[in-house]
Amino acid sequence: MTTTRKPIKGVKAKYERVIDGDTLSFLINCRLNRIDAPETKGVERQLGQVTKNYLIERINAAHDIKIDIIDRDYYARLLIELYIDGVNINDELVEKRLAEVYTPAHHNNGVLDI
C-alpha cells in the first residue's frame, strides 16, 4: 500500500537501463508513478516493446534527466515521476497512448498491488 509521504523532487538521476515500458533502473529499480505500460512478454509483447523502445530513445537523446521520488511500491521499487529535458515522461507516455493511467482494477482482479 502507498503512504502519504512527501515527494522528493528534482533529483538528478543517473540512468542505467530500461527494463520495460514502465520500469527503469537508476542504480535501483524504479517504476513510473501513476501509469501502466504493456508488458514486454506475453500477449502485450509487441506494444510493450514499442513503449520500451520509445522510452529508450527519449532517454538516449536526453540532455537532462530528473526524477521526483513519490513513494515505494509493493516490490520496493521507487515510484517516480520522470522528467526528460523538463517534460514529464509519465504524462507523455499516456498522451501518446503508449501507456495508460494506472488503476487497481486493471491488475490482480482489482486488488491494489502498490
Protein backbone atom coordinates (compact mmCIF):
# COMPACT_ATOMS: atom_id res chain seq x y z
CA MET A 1 0.00 0.00 0.00
CA THR A 2 1.14 3.51 -0.67
CA THR A 3 1.60 6.01 2.09
CA THR A 4 1.19 9.76 2.11
CA ARG A 5 4.89 10.62 2.29
CA LYS A 6 6.04 13.93 0.90
CA PRO A 7 7.69 13.54 -2.54
CA ILE A 8 11.39 14.23 -3.02
CA LYS A 9 11.53 16.41 -6.15
CA GLY A 10 14.14 17.33 -8.75
CA VAL A 11 16.66 14.57 -8.04
CA LYS A 12 19.45 14.38 -10.65
CA ALA A 13 19.29 10.82 -11.94
CA LYS A 14 21.98 8.56 -13.41
CA TYR A 15 20.15 6.34 -15.90
CA GLU A 16 21.23 2.71 -16.03
CA ARG A 17 18.70 0.84 -18.23
CA VAL A 18 15.07 0.47 -19.29
CA ILE A 19 13.52 -2.75 -18.05
CA ASP A 20 10.13 -2.31 -19.76
CA GLY A 21 7.70 0.48 -20.62
CA ASP A 22 7.05 1.49 -17.02
CA THR A 23 10.10 0.23 -15.11
CA LEU A 24 13.60 1.71 -15.27
CA SER A 25 16.81 1.33 -13.34
CA PHE A 26 18.59 4.34 -11.88
CA LEU A 27 21.08 2.17 -9.95
CA ILE A 28 17.95 0.74 -8.29
CA ASN A 29 14.69 -0.25 -9.99
CA CYS A 30 12.11 2.49 -10.30
CA ARG A 31 8.54 2.33 -11.55
CA LEU A 32 6.90 5.24 -13.30
CA ASN A 33 4.23 6.57 -10.98
CA ARG A 34 0.52 6.58 -11.95
CA ILE A 35 0.92 4.72 -15.24
CA ASP A 36 0.79 1.19 -16.58
CA ALA A 37 2.54 0.22 -19.82
CA PRO A 38 2.09 -3.02 -21.74
CA GLU A 39 4.36 -5.87 -20.69
CA THR A 40 7.27 -6.93 -22.89
CA LYS A 41 6.26 -10.59 -22.54
CA GLY A 42 3.07 -12.46 -23.27
CA VAL A 43 0.15 -11.15 -25.30
CA GLU A 44 1.16 -7.49 -24.86
CA ARG A 45 4.70 -8.13 -26.10
CA GLN A 46 4.57 -6.18 -29.37
CA LEU A 47 3.13 -2.97 -27.91
CA GLY A 48 5.26 -3.41 -24.80
CA GLN A 49 8.39 -3.44 -26.96
CA VAL A 50 7.24 -0.30 -28.82
CA THR A 51 6.79 1.51 -25.49
CA LYS A 52 10.12 0.29 -24.16
CA ASN A 53 11.93 1.38 -27.35
CA TYR A 54 10.29 4.80 -27.21
CA LEU A 55 11.45 5.26 -23.62
CA ILE A 56 15.00 4.16 -24.54
CA GLU A 57 15.09 6.65 -27.44
CA ARG A 58 13.84 9.50 -25.22
CA ILE A 59 16.44 8.74 -22.55
CA ASN A 60 19.31 8.31 -25.02
CA ALA A 61 18.53 11.73 -26.57
CA ALA A 62 18.18 13.43 -23.17
CA HIS A 63 20.32 16.31 -22.01
CA ASP A 64 18.81 16.48 -18.53
CA ILE A 65 17.11 13.69 -16.58
CA LYS A 66 15.44 14.36 -13.24
CA ILE A 67 13.07 12.36 -11.11
CA ASP A 68 10.61 13.10 -8.35
CA ILE A 69 10.57 10.24 -5.85
CA ILE A 70 6.96 9.74 -4.78
CA ASP A 71 6.95 6.53 -2.74
CA ARG A 72 7.79 2.81 -2.94
CA ASP A 73 5.57 0.12 -4.41
CA TYR A 74 4.78 -3.37 -3.18
CA TYR A 75 8.03 -4.68 -4.72
CA ALA A 76 10.14 -1.94 -3.02
CA ARG A 77 10.74 -0.11 -6.32
CA LEU A 78 10.78 3.66 -6.10
CA LEU A 79 7.67 5.21 -7.62
CA ILE A 80 8.86 8.16 -9.67
CA GLU A 81 7.80 10.96 -11.96
CA LEU A 82 10.42 11.03 -14.75
CA TYR A 83 11.40 14.31 -16.40
CA ILE A 84 13.48 14.40 -19.57
CA ASP A 85 14.57 17.88 -20.61
CA GLY A 86 11.74 19.31 -18.50
CA VAL A 87 8.98 17.08 -19.96
CA ASN A 88 7.02 14.74 -17.66
CA ILE A 89 7.51 11.38 -19.38
CA ASN A 90 4.81 9.67 -17.31
CA ASP A 91 2.26 12.06 -18.84
CA GLU A 92 3.85 11.89 -22.29
CA LEU A 93 3.53 8.09 -22.45
CA VAL A 94 -0.18 8.35 -21.62
CA GLU A 95 -0.72 11.20 -24.11
CA LYS A 96 0.96 9.15 -26.87
CA ARG A 97 -1.16 6.13 -25.88
CA LEU A 98 1.94 4.06 -25.11
CA ALA A 99 0.69 3.60 -21.53
CA GLU A 100 -2.50 4.19 -19.60
CA VAL A 101 -3.30 5.71 -16.27
CA TYR A 102 -2.82 3.05 -13.61
CA THR A 103 -5.98 1.84 -11.91
CA PRO A 104 -6.02 -1.10 -9.50
CA ALA A 105 -8.93 -2.68 -11.38
CA HIS A 106 -6.56 -3.48 -14.28
CA HIS A 107 -4.42 -5.75 -12.13
CA ASN A 108 -4.74 -8.73 -9.85
CA ASN A 109 -8.52 -8.89 -10.15
CA GLY A 110 -8.88 -5.42 -8.67
CA VAL A 111 -6.50 -5.92 -5.73
CA LEU A 112 -4.19 -2.95 -5.32
CA ASP A 113 -0.57 -4.08 -5.59
CA ILE A 114 1.20 -0.84 -4.72
